[in-house]
Protein backbone atom coordinates (compact mmCIF):
# COMPACT_ATOMS: atom_id res chain seq x y z
CA MET A 1 38.26 8.19 -30.08
CA PRO A 2 34.59 8.66 -31.00
CA SER A 3 31.95 9.68 -28.49
CA LYS A 4 28.28 9.13 -29.31
CA HIS A 5 25.06 10.18 -27.60
CA VAL A 6 22.38 7.55 -28.19
CA VAL A 7 18.64 7.81 -27.45
CA VAL A 8 16.65 4.59 -27.70
CA ARG A 9 12.85 4.60 -27.92
CA GLY A 10 10.29 1.84 -27.68
CA GLN A 11 9.64 -0.68 -24.91
CA VAL A 12 13.04 -0.14 -23.30
CA GLN A 13 12.32 0.49 -19.62
CA GLY A 14 11.53 -2.34 -17.23
CA VAL A 15 13.02 -4.93 -19.60
CA PHE A 16 16.64 -5.07 -18.34
CA TYR A 17 17.81 -2.79 -21.14
CA ARG A 18 20.23 -0.78 -18.96
CA SER A 19 21.83 -3.78 -17.25
CA SER A 20 22.15 -5.57 -20.60
CA ALA A 21 23.72 -2.42 -22.07
CA ARG A 22 26.22 -2.29 -19.21
CA ASP A 23 27.15 -5.96 -19.70
CA THR A 24 27.49 -5.49 -23.46
CA ALA A 25 29.58 -2.34 -23.06
CA ASN A 26 31.91 -4.10 -20.65
CA ARG A 27 32.28 -7.02 -23.07
CA LEU A 28 33.02 -4.64 -25.98
CA GLY A 29 35.37 -2.44 -23.97
CA VAL A 30 33.46 0.84 -24.40
CA THR A 31 32.98 3.40 -21.66
CA GLY A 32 30.23 5.88 -20.80
CA TRP A 33 26.84 5.53 -19.17
CA VAL A 34 23.22 4.50 -19.67
CA ARG A 35 20.12 5.86 -17.95
CA ASN A 36 16.33 6.00 -18.15
CA ARG A 37 14.67 9.23 -19.26
CA ASP A 38 11.37 10.57 -17.98
CA ASP A 39 9.74 10.15 -21.42
CA GLY A 40 10.19 6.35 -21.33
CA SER A 41 13.29 6.26 -23.53
CA VAL A 42 16.83 5.28 -22.57
CA GLU A 43 19.91 7.36 -23.32
CA MET A 44 23.56 6.40 -23.47
CA LEU A 45 26.94 7.99 -23.88
CA VAL A 46 29.31 5.57 -25.62
CA GLU A 47 33.05 6.16 -25.99
CA GLY A 48 35.77 3.89 -27.32
CA GLU A 49 37.41 2.54 -30.42
CA ASP A 50 35.46 3.02 -33.67
CA ASP A 51 34.58 -0.65 -34.15
CA ALA A 52 33.54 -1.15 -30.52
CA VAL A 53 31.33 1.96 -30.56
CA ASP A 54 29.73 0.81 -33.82
CA ARG A 55 29.05 -2.62 -32.32
CA MET A 56 27.51 -1.04 -29.21
CA ILE A 57 25.20 1.08 -31.37
CA ALA A 58 24.26 -2.02 -33.37
CA TRP A 59 23.42 -3.74 -30.07
CA ALA A 60 21.30 -0.71 -29.04
CA ARG A 61 19.12 -1.23 -32.11
CA GLU A 62 18.19 -4.71 -30.79
CA GLY A 63 18.53 -4.27 -27.02
CA SER A 64 17.83 -6.85 -24.35
CA PRO A 65 15.75 -9.92 -25.29
CA GLN A 66 12.60 -8.40 -23.72
CA ALA A 67 13.03 -4.96 -25.34
CA GLN A 68 11.15 -3.73 -28.39
CA VAL A 69 13.23 -0.96 -29.92
CA SER A 70 11.33 1.34 -32.27
CA ASP A 71 13.90 4.10 -32.88
CA VAL A 72 17.56 4.84 -32.18
CA GLU A 73 18.90 8.37 -32.54
CA VAL A 74 22.70 8.71 -32.64
CA SER A 75 24.65 11.96 -32.54
CA ASP A 76 28.29 12.91 -32.08
CA THR A 77 29.19 14.47 -28.76
CA GLU A 78 32.25 15.74 -26.94
CA PRO A 79 34.26 12.97 -25.24
CA GLN A 80 33.89 12.91 -21.47
CA GLY A 81 36.88 10.68 -20.79
CA SER A 82 34.85 8.00 -19.02
CA ARG A 83 36.89 5.21 -17.47
CA SER A 84 34.08 2.65 -17.19
CA PHE A 85 30.49 2.12 -18.31
CA GLU A 86 27.99 2.99 -15.60
CA GLU A 87 24.29 2.25 -15.26
CA THR A 88 22.72 5.33 -13.66
């Protein structure tokens, strides 16, 4: 099962990005977390089936309707065995 660390840059804080990510993750059946970073970006850990993880990353490139995503950095990471997707 793949595990991806995702950093999203642009206008992604204060635009319901994290709550939209949580809702999307729950719909897709992926687990992990999403949180704001001090530099204004948002980061996520996404775990799940290949197709679901790919669809979550595709969503991250668009984000919530109010978001303006300028860059998405994706890297492989060690699975954490998350059981749900949390907004932190």
